[in-house]
Amino acid sequence: MQLGFVGLGAMGQPIVSRLLAQGHSVVVCDVNEAAVRTLVAKGATSAATPMEVASASETVLVSLPTPDSVRAVALGDKGLIHGTRMKRYVDLSTSGAKTMTEVATALHAKGVSSIDAPVSGGVGAAASGTLAIMVAGDRATFSALKDLLTTIGSRLTYVGEEVGHGQSLKLINNLLAATSLAAASEALVLGRRLGLGLDTMLEVINASSGRSFATEKIIPQTVPQRTFDFGFRTELMHKDVRLCLDEAENLQVSMWLGNSVKQVWSHAMTQGGGKKDFSAILHLFEAWNGVQLGKAANDDSGAAR
């Protein structure tokens, strides 16, 4: 299939690499010229603007960091909406239901069918084709693209006909992820102050009812060696939490815990942590309590730093 792809960041690059490896022709566009060159070397074709991508491809996928970037790529002066060939638009970003509905409505007026298909699983899953994908929109469009989406995701869920519902579900998922990571960081720091070792705590928690994706995947892969490189920036998690809470506020849904979690991630942003990996949220809890987990602590005894 001839595809277009705009947005070659941490998720976009491995997704396009996989599409190319599976035999698809892909026209790519991004402000990061180095990312474009990397994929051109693998067989992609470059385009200068999103409009050029949409003039070369019937199906265009985007993977972008913010609602504003999604709007600019889709609806801007040189956006996809001005292309001459695009018939199907797939948003893999996490941009929120409001933005998705706005873009889909504008594209529909141009004869373009849209689905939102936000992904979850991280960079490793993008590279291996094992992403979880939440798809919403026209069922016929979903059916036409199902094989393509299965190339990049092994867990494909059709959420429903209403565009934006995939986005809403992704935001709920990410609120839970942000909550569990913050809660796990706080609890493990307490354990350290009590004299417990990180390895021991994770072994017990992950065999017990306190386990979560944070304790099973994120923390074991980043904290013991202090790498903090899971593959998702703090500023993006903060954005997703904020978007989720905005949707709740618009519906007047009470979010007591959610708002507390939002304050934690907002504080991380005020401390200059936006560009850091989201696993580095642990640093806040360590600093507040004068302990450190992992390699720099030298042992597994749980002694305070």
C-alpha atoms as a PDB file:
ATOM      1  CA  MET A   1       0.000   0.000   0.000  1.00  0.00           C
ATOM      2  CA  GLN A   2       1.203   3.531  -0.820  1.00  0.00           C
ATOM      3  CA  LEU A   3       1.198   5.380   2.479  1.00  0.00           C
ATOM      4  CA  GLY A   4       1.972   8.824   3.775  1.00  0.00           C
ATOM      5  CA  PHE A   5       3.337   9.434   7.248  1.00  0.00           C
ATOM      6  CA  VAL A   6       3.848  12.728   9.084  1.00  0.00           C
ATOM      7  CA  GLY A   7       5.636  12.817  12.433  1.00  0.00           C
ATOM      8  CA  LEU A   8       8.912  10.936  12.815  1.00  0.00           C
ATOM      9  CA  GLY A   9       9.534  11.196  16.523  1.00  0.00           C
ATOM     10  CA  ALA A  10      10.192   8.474  19.075  1.00  0.00           C
ATOM     11  CA  MET A  11       7.137   6.491  17.941  1.00  0.00           C
ATOM     12  CA  GLY A  12       6.903   7.551  14.306  1.00  0.00           C
ATOM     13  CA  GLN A  13      10.387   6.424  13.294  1.00  0.00           C
ATOM     14  CA  PRO A  14      10.058   2.789  14.412  1.00  0.00           C
ATOM     15  CA  ILE A  15       6.524   2.558  13.046  1.00  0.00           C
ATOM     16  CA  VAL A  16       7.638   3.752   9.603  1.00  0.00           C
ATOM     17  CA  SER A  17      10.668   1.465   9.723  1.00  0.00           C
ATOM     18  CA  ARG A  18       8.347  -1.468  10.337  1.00  0.00           C
ATOM     19  CA  LEU A  19       5.993  -0.443   7.525  1.00  0.00           C
ATOM     20  CA  LEU A  20       8.920  -0.238   5.127  1.00  0.00           C
ATOM     21  CA  ALA A  21      10.205  -3.632   6.259  1.00  0.00           C
ATOM     22  CA  GLN A  22       6.761  -5.085   5.556  1.00  0.00           C
ATOM     23  CA  GLY A  23       6.916  -3.885   1.956  1.00  0.00           C
ATOM     24  CA  HIS A  24       4.872  -0.688   2.052  1.00  0.00           C
ATOM     25  CA  SER A  25       5.879   2.416   0.118  1.00  0.00           C
ATOM     26  CA  VAL A  26       5.905   5.386   2.480  1.00  0.00           C
ATOM     27  CA  VAL A  27       6.153   9.117   1.810  1.00  0.00           C
ATOM     28  CA  VAL A  28       7.404  10.833   4.964  1.00  0.00           C
ATOM     29  CA  CYS A  29       7.506  14.383   6.280  1.00  0.00           C
ATOM     30  CA  ASP A  30       8.887  15.899   9.461  1.00  0.00           C
ATOM     31  CA  VAL A  31      10.582  19.073  10.645  1.00  0.00           C
ATOM     32  CA  ASN A  32      13.473  16.888  11.832  1.00  0.00           C
ATOM     33  CA  GLU A  33      15.550  16.492   8.681  1.00  0.00           C
ATOM     34  CA  ALA A  34      17.821  13.891  10.264  1.00  0.00           C
ATOM     35  CA  ALA A  35      14.836  11.656  10.966  1.00  0.00           C
ATOM     36  CA  VAL A  36      13.686  12.033   7.370  1.00  0.00           C
ATOM     37  CA  ARG A  37      17.143  11.126   6.047  1.00  0.00           C
ATOM     38  CA  THR A  38      17.278   8.036   8.250  1.00  0.00           C
ATOM     39  CA  LEU A  39      14.037   6.704   6.805  1.00  0.00           C
ATOM     40  CA  VAL A  40      14.868   7.687   3.243  1.00  0.00           C
ATOM     41  CA  ALA A  41      17.982   5.536   3.623  1.00  0.00           C
ATOM     42  CA  LYS A  42      15.634   2.651   4.465  1.00  0.00           C
ATOM     43  CA  GLY A  43      13.530   3.202   1.349  1.00  0.00           C
ATOM     44  CA  ALA A  44      11.061   5.948   2.188  1.00  0.00           C
ATOM     45  CA  THR A  45      10.377   8.968  -0.047  1.00  0.00           C
ATOM     46  CA  SER A  46      10.500  12.451   1.438  1.00  0.00           C
ATOM     47  CA  ALA A  47       8.024  15.287   1.040  1.00  0.00           C
ATOM     48  CA  ALA A  48       8.546  18.914   1.995  1.00  0.00           C
ATOM     49  CA  THR A  49       5.066  19.535   3.416  1.00  0.00           C
ATOM     50  CA  PRO A  50       2.069  17.577   4.700  1.00  0.00           C
ATOM     51  CA  MET A  51       0.164  18.809   1.631  1.00  0.00           C
ATOM     52  CA  GLU A  52       2.691  17.037  -0.598  1.00  0.00           C
ATOM     53  CA  VAL A  53       2.257  13.859   1.444  1.00  0.00           C
ATOM     54  CA  ALA A  54      -1.518  14.022   0.960  1.00  0.00           C
ATOM     55  CA  SER A  55      -1.055  14.603  -2.772  1.00  0.00           C
ATOM     56  CA  ALA A  56       1.032  11.447  -3.069  1.00  0.00           C
ATOM     57  CA  SER A  57      -0.880   9.031  -0.817  1.00  0.00           C
ATOM     58  CA  GLU A  58      -4.475   7.875  -0.407  1.00  0.00           C
ATOM     59  CA  THR A  59      -3.865   6.805   3.180  1.00  0.00           C
ATOM     60  CA  VAL A  60      -1.972   9.142   5.521  1.00  0.00           C
ATOM     61  CA  LEU A  61      -0.986   8.394   9.095  1.00  0.00           C
ATOM     62  CA  VAL A  62       0.229  10.976  11.596  1.00  0.00           C
ATOM     63  CA  SER A  63       2.083  10.553  14.899  1.00  0.00           C
ATOM     64  CA  LEU A  64       2.477  13.959  16.507  1.00  0.00           C
ATOM     65  CA  PRO A  65       3.189  15.246  20.016  1.00  0.00           C
ATOM     66  CA  THR A  66       0.459  17.824  20.724  1.00  0.00           C
ATOM     67  CA  PRO A  67      -3.058  18.858  19.685  1.00  0.00           C
ATOM     68  CA  ASP A  68      -1.645  22.050  18.143  1.00  0.00           C
ATOM     69  CA  SER A  69       0.782  20.086  15.968  1.00  0.00           C
ATOM     70  CA  VAL A  70      -2.032  17.786  14.846  1.00  0.00           C
ATOM     71  CA  ARG A  71      -4.171  20.761  13.836  1.00  0.00           C
ATOM     72  CA  ALA A  72      -1.279  22.424  11.999  1.00  0.00           C
ATOM     73  CA  VAL A  73      -0.373  19.284  10.046  1.00  0.00           C
ATOM     74  CA  ALA A  74      -3.950  18.427   9.168  1.00  0.00           C
ATOM     75  CA  LEU A  75      -5.525  21.840   8.655  1.00  0.00           C
ATOM     76  CA  GLY A  76      -2.688  24.373   8.253  1.00  0.00           C
ATOM     77  CA  ASP A  77      -1.827  26.414   5.162  1.00  0.00           C
ATOM     78  CA  LYS A  78       0.268  23.554   3.766  1.00  0.00           C
ATOM     79  CA  GLY A  79      -1.632  20.893   5.658  1.00  0.00           C
ATOM     80  CA  LEU A  80      -3.003  17.545   4.605  1.00  0.00           C
ATOM     81  CA  ILE A  81      -6.409  19.039   3.898  1.00  0.00           C
ATOM     82  CA  HIS A  82      -4.985  20.762   0.813  1.00  0.00           C
ATOM     83  CA  GLY A  83      -3.655  17.545  -0.724  1.00  0.00           C
ATOM     84  CA  THR A  84      -5.219  16.116  -3.866  1.00  0.00           C
ATOM     85  CA  ARG A  85      -5.127  12.356  -3.285  1.00  0.00           C
ATOM     86  CA  MET A  86      -5.753  11.560   0.394  1.00  0.00           C
ATOM     87  CA  LYS A  87      -8.925   9.568   1.101  1.00  0.00           C
ATOM     88  CA  ARG A  88      -8.157   8.136   4.558  1.00  0.00           C
ATOM     89  CA  TYR A  89      -6.629   9.879   7.578  1.00  0.00           C
ATOM     90  CA  VAL A  90      -5.319   7.932  10.570  1.00  0.00           C
ATOM     91  CA  ASP A  91      -4.259   9.749  13.756  1.00  0.00           C
ATOM     92  CA  LEU A  92      -1.928   7.611  15.872  1.00  0.00           C
ATOM     93  CA  SER A  93      -1.235  10.568  18.174  1.00  0.00           C
ATOM     94  CA  THR A  94      -2.728  11.255  21.581  1.00  0.00           C
ATOM     95  CA  SER A  95      -4.412  14.556  20.837  1.00  0.00           C
ATOM     96  CA  GLY A  96      -7.769  14.312  22.609  1.00  0.00           C
ATOM     97  CA  ALA A  97     -11.314  13.869  21.382  1.00  0.00           C
ATOM     98  CA  LYS A  98     -11.896  17.597  20.785  1.00  0.00           C
ATOM     99  CA  THR A  99      -8.988  17.945  18.359  1.00  0.00           C
ATOM    100  CA  MET A 100      -9.779  14.663  16.637  1.00  0.00           C
ATOM    101  CA  THR A 101     -13.399  15.652  16.073  1.00  0.00           C
ATOM    102  CA  GLU A 102     -12.386  19.079  14.753  1.00  0.00           C
ATOM    103  CA  VAL A 103      -9.934  17.589  12.262  1.00  0.00           C
ATOM    104  CA  ALA A 104     -12.250  14.776  11.193  1.00  0.00           C
ATOM    105  CA  THR A 105     -15.115  17.197  10.559  1.00  0.00           C
ATOM    106  CA  ALA A 106     -12.958  19.458   8.377  1.00  0.00           C
ATOM    107  CA  LEU A 107     -11.514  16.518   6.425  1.00  0.00           C
ATOM    108  CA  HIS A 108     -14.951  14.957   5.940  1.00  0.00           C
ATOM    109  CA  ALA A 109     -16.016  18.102   4.088  1.00  0.00           C
ATOM    110  CA  LYS A 110     -13.171  17.345   1.652  1.00  0.00           C
ATOM    111  CA  GLY A 111     -14.229  13.738   1.165  1.00  0.00           C
ATOM    112  CA  VAL A 112     -11.663  12.252   3.547  1.00  0.00           C
ATOM    113  CA  SER A 113     -12.639   9.557   6.045  1.00  0.00           C
ATOM    114  CA  SER A 114     -10.894   9.716   9.433  1.00  0.00           C
ATOM    115  CA  ILE A 115     -10.195   7.305  12.240  1.00  0.00           C
ATOM    116  CA  ASP A 116      -8.422   7.963  15.503  1.00  0.00           C
ATOM    117  CA  ALA A 117      -6.071   5.144  16.403  1.00  0.00           C
ATOM    118  CA  PRO A 118      -3.917   6.190  19.368  1.00  0.00           C
ATOM    119  CA  VAL A 119      -1.264   3.652  20.293  1.00  0.00           C
ATOM    120  CA  SER A 120       0.152   2.381  23.561  1.00  0.00           C
ATOM    121  CA  GLY A 121       3.136   0.256  24.447  1.00  0.00           C
ATOM    122  CA  GLY A 122       6.193   2.432  23.973  1.00  0.00           C
ATOM    123  CA  VAL A 123       9.084   2.527  21.555  1.00  0.00           C
ATOM    124  CA  GLY A 124       9.929  -1.150  21.915  1.00  0.00           C
ATOM    125  CA  ALA A 125       6.410  -2.204  20.976  1.00  0.00           C
ATOM    126  CA  ALA A 126       6.448   0.184  18.018  1.00  0.00           C
ATOM    127  CA  ALA A 127       9.610  -1.463  16.711  1.00  0.00           C
ATOM    128  CA  SER A 128       8.308  -4.997  17.207  1.00  0.00           C
ATOM    129  CA  GLY A 129       4.794  -4.353  15.908  1.00  0.00           C
ATOM    130  CA  THR A 130       3.153  -5.201  19.223  1.00  0.00           C
ATOM    131  CA  LEU A 131       1.472  -1.883  20.016  1.00  0.00           C
ATOM    132  CA  ALA A 132      -2.005  -1.735  21.494  1.00  0.00           C
ATOM    133  CA  ILE A 133      -4.211   0.369  19.196  1.00  0.00           C
ATOM    134  CA  MET A 134      -7.589   1.862  20.104  1.00  0.00           C
ATOM    135  CA  VAL A 135      -9.535   2.571  16.913  1.00  0.00           C
ATOM    136  CA  ALA A 136     -12.661   4.692  16.530  1.00  0.00           C
ATOM    137  CA  GLY A 137     -14.470   5.940  13.441  1.00  0.00           C
ATOM    138  CA  ASP A 138     -16.257   4.697  10.359  1.00  0.00           C
ATOM    139  CA  ARG A 139     -16.406   0.882  10.443  1.00  0.00           C
ATOM    140  CA  ALA A 140     -15.839   0.536   6.691  1.00  0.00           C
ATOM    141  CA  THR A 141     -12.664   2.625   6.944  1.00  0.00           C
ATOM    142  CA  PHE A 142     -11.519   0.558   9.897  1.00  0.00           C
ATOM    143  CA  SER A 143     -12.124  -2.648   7.932  1.00  0.00           C
ATOM    144  CA  ALA A 144     -10.156  -1.310   4.969  1.00  0.00           C
ATOM    145  CA  LEU A 145      -7.209  -0.435   7.216  1.00  0.00           C
ATOM    146  CA  LYS A 146      -7.323  -3.361   9.627  1.00  0.00           C
ATOM    147  CA  ASP A 147      -4.550  -5.338   7.925  1.00  0.00           C
ATOM    148  CA  LEU A 148      -2.347  -2.244   7.845  1.00  0.00           C
ATOM    149  CA  LEU A 149      -2.921  -1.509  11.531  1.00  0.00           C
ATOM    150  CA  THR A 150      -2.236  -5.122  12.408  1.00  0.00           C
ATOM    151  CA  THR A 151       1.229  -4.634  10.933  1.00  0.00           C
ATOM    152  CA  ILE A 152       2.088  -2.168  13.679  1.00  0.00           C
ATOM    153  CA  GLY A 153      -0.123  -3.417  16.501  1.00  0.00           C
ATOM    154  CA  SER A 154      -0.821  -6.888  17.838  1.00  0.00           C
ATOM    155  CA  ARG A 155      -3.637  -5.762  20.122  1.00  0.00           C
ATOM    156  CA  LEU A 156      -6.238  -3.987  18.017  1.00  0.00           C
ATOM    157  CA  THR A 157      -9.508  -2.867  19.624  1.00  0.00           C
ATOM    158  CA  TYR A 158     -12.366  -1.285  17.701  1.00  0.00           C
ATOM    159  CA  VAL A 159     -13.861   1.164  20.189  1.00  0.00           C
ATOM    160  CA  GLY A 160     -16.819   2.311  18.093  1.00  0.00           C
ATOM    161  CA  GLU A 161     -18.141   4.477  15.279  1.00  0.00           C
ATOM    162  CA  GLU A 162     -17.787   7.838  17.022  1.00  0.00           C
ATOM    163  CA  VAL A 163     -14.555   9.586  16.112  1.00  0.00           C
ATOM    164  CA  GLY A 164     -12.731  10.646  19.259  1.00  0.00           C
ATOM    165  CA  HIS A 165     -13.651   7.683  21.426  1.00  0.00           C
ATOM    166  CA  GLY A 166     -10.275   6.089  20.760  1.00  0.00           C
ATOM    167  CA  GLN A 167      -8.638   9.285  21.970  1.00  0.00           C
ATOM    168  CA  SER A 168     -10.750   9.358  25.117  1.00  0.00           C
ATOM    169  CA  LEU A 169      -9.884   5.767  25.953  1.00  0.00           C
ATOM    170  CA  LYS A 170      -6.179   6.431  25.413  1.00  0.00           C
ATOM    171  CA  LEU A 171      -6.310   9.422  27.768  1.00  0.00           C
ATOM    172  CA  ILE A 172      -7.979   7.299  30.436  1.00  0.00           C
ATOM    173  CA  ASN A 173      -5.276   4.676  29.989  1.00  0.00           C
ATOM    174  CA  ASN A 174      -2.516   7.256  30.304  1.00  0.00           C
ATOM    175  CA  LEU A 175      -4.088   8.810  33.388  1.00  0.00           C
ATOM    176  CA  LEU A 176      -3.943   5.364  34.980  1.00  0.00           C
ATOM    177  CA  ALA A 177      -0.334   4.925  33.840  1.00  0.00           C
ATOM    178  CA  ALA A 178       0.645   8.308  35.263  1.00  0.00           C
ATOM    179  CA  THR A 179      -1.141   7.499  38.513  1.00  0.00           C
ATOM    180  CA  SER A 180       0.415   4.066  38.968  1.00  0.00           C
ATOM    181  CA  LEU A 181       3.927   5.330  38.232  1.00  0.00           C
ATOM    182  CA  ALA A 182       3.615   8.211  40.688  1.00  0.00           C
ATOM    183  CA  ALA A 183       2.075   5.933  43.334  1.00  0.00           C
ATOM    184  CA  ALA A 184       4.734   3.250  42.843  1.00  0.00           C
ATOM    185  CA  SER A 185       7.510   5.854  43.103  1.00  0.00           C
ATOM    186  CA  GLU A 186       6.076   7.199  46.345  1.00  0.00           C
ATOM    187  CA  ALA A 187       5.614   3.728  47.834  1.00  0.00           C
ATOM    188  CA  LEU A 188       9.093   2.496  46.886  1.00  0.00           C
ATOM    189  CA  VAL A 189      10.692   5.597  48.388  1.00  0.00           C
ATOM    190  CA  LEU A 190       8.802   4.884  51.607  1.00  0.00           C
ATOM    191  CA  GLY A 191      10.083   1.324  51.501  1.00  0.00           C
ATOM    192  CA  ARG A 192      13.638   2.567  51.118  1.00  0.00           C
ATOM    193  CA  ARG A 193      13.256   4.835  54.140  1.00  0.00           C
ATOM    194  CA  LEU A 194      11.982   1.806  56.079  1.00  0.00           C
ATOM    195  CA  GLY A 195      15.135  -0.092  55.183  1.00  0.00           C
ATOM    196  CA  LEU A 196      13.806  -2.255  52.330  1.00  0.00           C
ATOM    197  CA  GLY A 197      15.792  -2.932  49.150  1.00  0.00           C
ATOM    198  CA  LEU A 198      14.468  -2.134  45.684  1.00  0.00           C
ATOM    199  CA  ASP A 199      14.935  -5.636  44.285  1.00  0.00           C
ATOM    200  CA  THR A 200      13.177  -7.209  47.248  1.00  0.00           C
ATOM    201  CA  MET A 201      10.280  -4.784  47.071  1.00  0.00           C
ATOM    202  CA  LEU A 202       9.757  -5.335  43.337  1.00  0.00           C
ATOM    203  CA  GLU A 203       9.958  -9.112  43.710  1.00  0.00           C
ATOM    204  CA  VAL A 204       7.215  -9.154  46.322  1.00  0.00           C
ATOM    205  CA  ILE A 205       5.016  -6.450  44.787  1.00  0.00           C
ATOM    206  CA  ASN A 206       5.084  -8.067  41.342  1.00  0.00           C
ATOM    207  CA  ALA A 207       3.981 -11.380  42.872  1.00  0.00           C
ATOM    208  CA  SER A 208       1.234  -9.642  44.826  1.00  0.00           C
ATOM    209  CA  SER A 209      -1.785  -7.395  44.417  1.00  0.00           C
ATOM    210  CA  GLY A 210       0.219  -4.153  44.248  1.00  0.00           C
ATOM    211  CA  ARG A 211       1.756  -4.932  40.864  1.00  0.00           C
ATOM    212  CA  SER A 212       1.221  -2.655  37.870  1.00  0.00           C
ATOM    213  CA  PHE A 213       2.835  -1.835  34.542  1.00  0.00           C
ATOM    214  CA  ALA A 214       4.967   0.631  36.475  1.00  0.00           C
ATOM    215  CA  THR A 215       6.355  -2.023  38.844  1.00  0.00           C
ATOM    216  CA  GLU A 216       6.568  -4.789  36.239  1.00  0.00           C
ATOM    217  CA  LYS A 217       8.047  -2.848  33.311  1.00  0.00           C
ATOM    218  CA  ILE A 218       8.894   0.818  33.774  1.00  0.00           C
ATOM    219  CA  ILE A 219      10.720   0.757  37.095  1.00  0.00           C
ATOM    220  CA  PRO A 220      12.693  -2.495  36.582  1.00  0.00           C
ATOM    221  CA  GLN A 221      13.899  -1.276  33.180  1.00  0.00           C
ATOM    222  CA  THR A 222      14.979   2.189  34.293  1.00  0.00           C
ATOM    223  CA  VAL A 223      15.570   2.547  38.025  1.00  0.00           C
ATOM    224  CA  PRO A 224      18.090  -0.156  39.075  1.00  0.00           C
ATOM    225  CA  GLN A 225      20.743   1.199  36.669  1.00  0.00           C
ATOM    226  CA  ARG A 226      19.436   4.784  36.845  1.00  0.00           C
ATOM    227  CA  THR A 227      18.987   5.005  33.070  1.00  0.00           C
ATOM    228  CA  PHE A 228      15.490   6.565  33.026  1.00  0.00           C
ATOM    229  CA  ASP A 229      15.087   5.896  29.307  1.00  0.00           C
ATOM    230  CA  PHE A 230      11.805   4.050  28.874  1.00  0.00           C
ATOM    231  CA  GLY A 231      10.973   6.160  25.812  1.00  0.00           C
ATOM    232  CA  PHE A 232       8.241   8.664  26.717  1.00  0.00           C
ATOM    233  CA  ARG A 233       8.876  12.268  27.730  1.00  0.00           C
ATOM    234  CA  THR A 234       7.500  13.803  30.907  1.00  0.00           C
ATOM    235  CA  GLU A 235       6.013  16.711  28.955  1.00  0.00           C
ATOM    236  CA  LEU A 236       3.933  14.254  26.913  1.00  0.00           C
ATOM    237  CA  MET A 237       2.608  12.467  29.976  1.00  0.00           C
ATOM    238  CA  HIS A 238       1.781  15.819  31.536  1.00  0.00           C
ATOM    239  CA  LYS A 239      -0.058  16.783  28.341  1.00  0.00           C
ATOM    240  CA  ASP A 240      -2.077  13.550  28.354  1.00  0.00           C
ATOM    241  CA  VAL A 241      -3.047  13.896  32.010  1.00  0.00           C
ATOM    242  CA  ARG A 242      -4.095  17.492  31.405  1.00  0.00           C
ATOM    243  CA  LEU A 243      -6.187  16.560  28.369  1.00  0.00           C
ATOM    244  CA  CYS A 244      -7.902  13.787  30.310  1.00  0.00           C
ATOM    245  CA  LEU A 245      -8.743  16.105  33.186  1.00  0.00           C
ATOM    246  CA  ASP A 246     -10.007  18.706  30.702  1.00  0.00           C
ATOM    247  CA  GLU A 247     -12.451  16.152  29.254  1.00  0.00           C
ATOM    248  CA  ALA A 248     -13.620  15.280  32.765  1.00  0.00           C
ATOM    249  CA  GLU A 249     -14.089  18.936  33.667  1.00  0.00           C
ATOM    250  CA  ASN A 250     -16.122  19.564  30.514  1.00  0.00           C
ATOM    251  CA  LEU A 251     -18.473  16.786  31.630  1.00  0.00           C
ATOM    252  CA  GLN A 252     -18.394  17.898  35.287  1.00  0.00           C
ATOM    253  CA  VAL A 253     -17.017  14.520  36.357  1.00  0.00           C
ATOM    254  CA  SER A 254     -15.276  14.592  39.739  1.00  0.00           C
ATOM    255  CA  MET A 255     -11.624  13.497  39.542  1.00  0.00           C
ATOM    256  CA  TRP A 256     -10.214  13.724  43.063  1.00  0.00           C
ATOM    257  CA  LEU A 257      -7.262  11.411  42.523  1.00  0.00           C
ATOM    258  CA  GLY A 258      -6.751  12.544  38.946  1.00  0.00           C
ATOM    259  CA  ASN A 259      -6.292  16.150  39.990  1.00  0.00           C
ATOM    260  CA  SER A 260      -3.759  15.148  42.638  1.00  0.00           C
ATOM    261  CA  VAL A 261      -1.815  13.209  40.028  1.00  0.00           C
ATOM    262  CA  LYS A 262      -1.981  16.186  37.680  1.00  0.00           C
ATOM    263  CA  GLN A 263      -0.313  18.332  40.356  1.00  0.00           C
ATOM    264  CA  VAL A 264       2.592  15.868  40.625  1.00  0.00           C
ATOM    265  CA  TRP A 265       3.250  15.942  36.884  1.00  0.00           C
ATOM    266  CA  SER A 266       2.765  19.711  36.756  1.00  0.00           C
ATOM    267  CA  HIS A 267       5.387  20.081  39.486  1.00  0.00           C
ATOM    268  CA  ALA A 268       7.794  17.954  37.441  1.00  0.00           C
ATOM    269  CA  MET A 269       7.316  20.408  34.590  1.00  0.00           C
ATOM    270  CA  THR A 270       8.045  23.413  36.828  1.00  0.00           C
ATOM    271  CA  GLN A 271      11.306  21.730  37.870  1.00  0.00           C
ATOM    272  CA  GLY A 272      12.524  21.612  34.285  1.00  0.00           C
ATOM    273  CA  GLY A 273      11.792  17.938  33.796  1.00  0.00           C
ATOM    274  CA  GLY A 274       9.696  18.202  30.652  1.00  0.00           C
ATOM    275  CA  LYS A 275      12.299  16.749  28.289  1.00  0.00           C
ATOM    276  CA  LYS A 276      13.282  13.970  30.680  1.00  0.00           C
ATOM    277  CA  ASP A 277      11.862  10.479  30.406  1.00  0.00           C
ATOM    278  CA  PHE A 278       8.634  10.118  32.364  1.00  0.00           C
ATOM    279  CA  SER A 279      10.213   7.421  34.542  1.00  0.00           C
ATOM    280  CA  ALA A 280      12.326  10.212  36.048  1.00  0.00           C
ATOM    281  CA  ILE A 281       9.253  11.293  38.050  1.00  0.00           C
ATOM    282  CA  LEU A 282      10.886   9.137  40.742  1.00  0.00           C
ATOM    283  CA  HIS A 283      13.475  11.901  41.220  1.00  0.00           C
ATOM    284  CA  LEU A 284      10.849  14.140  42.829  1.00  0.00           C
ATOM    285  CA  PHE A 285       9.933  11.583  45.478  1.00  0.00           C
ATOM    286  CA  GLU A 286      13.586  10.800  46.154  1.00  0.00           C
ATOM    287  CA  ALA A 287      14.462  14.473  46.578  1.00  0.00           C
ATOM    288  CA  TRP A 288      11.529  15.136  48.887  1.00  0.00           C
ATOM    289  CA  ASN A 289      12.570  12.268  51.159  1.00  0.00           C
ATOM    290  CA  GLY A 290      16.359  12.224  50.960  1.00  0.00           C
ATOM    291  CA  VAL A 291      16.831   8.727  49.544  1.00  0.00           C
ATOM    292  CA  GLN A 292      17.879   7.181  46.259  1.00  0.00           C
ATOM    293  CA  LEU A 293      16.902   3.897  44.676  1.00  0.00           C
ATOM    294  CA  GLY A 294      19.019   1.812  42.350  1.00  0.00           C
ATOM    295  CA  LYS A 295      22.631   1.690  41.278  1.00  0.00           C
ATOM    296  CA  ALA A 296      23.914   4.807  43.002  1.00  0.00           C
ATOM    297  CA  ALA A 297      22.689   3.467  46.340  1.00  0.00           C
ATOM    298  CA  ASN A 298      25.435   0.791  46.021  1.00  0.00           C
ATOM    299  CA  ASP A 299      23.475  -2.004  47.655  1.00  0.00           C
ATOM    300  CA  ASP A 300      20.008  -3.430  48.188  1.00  0.00           C
ATOM    301  CA  SER A 301      19.875  -2.745  51.923  1.00  0.00           C
ATOM    302  CA  GLY A 302      17.573   0.259  51.652  1.00  0.00           C
ATOM    303  CA  ALA A 303      19.863   2.589  53.573  1.00  0.00           C
ATOM    304  CA  ALA A 304      19.149   6.288  53.139  1.00  0.00           C
ATOM    305  CA  ARG A 305      21.475   8.284  50.913  1.00  0.00           C
END
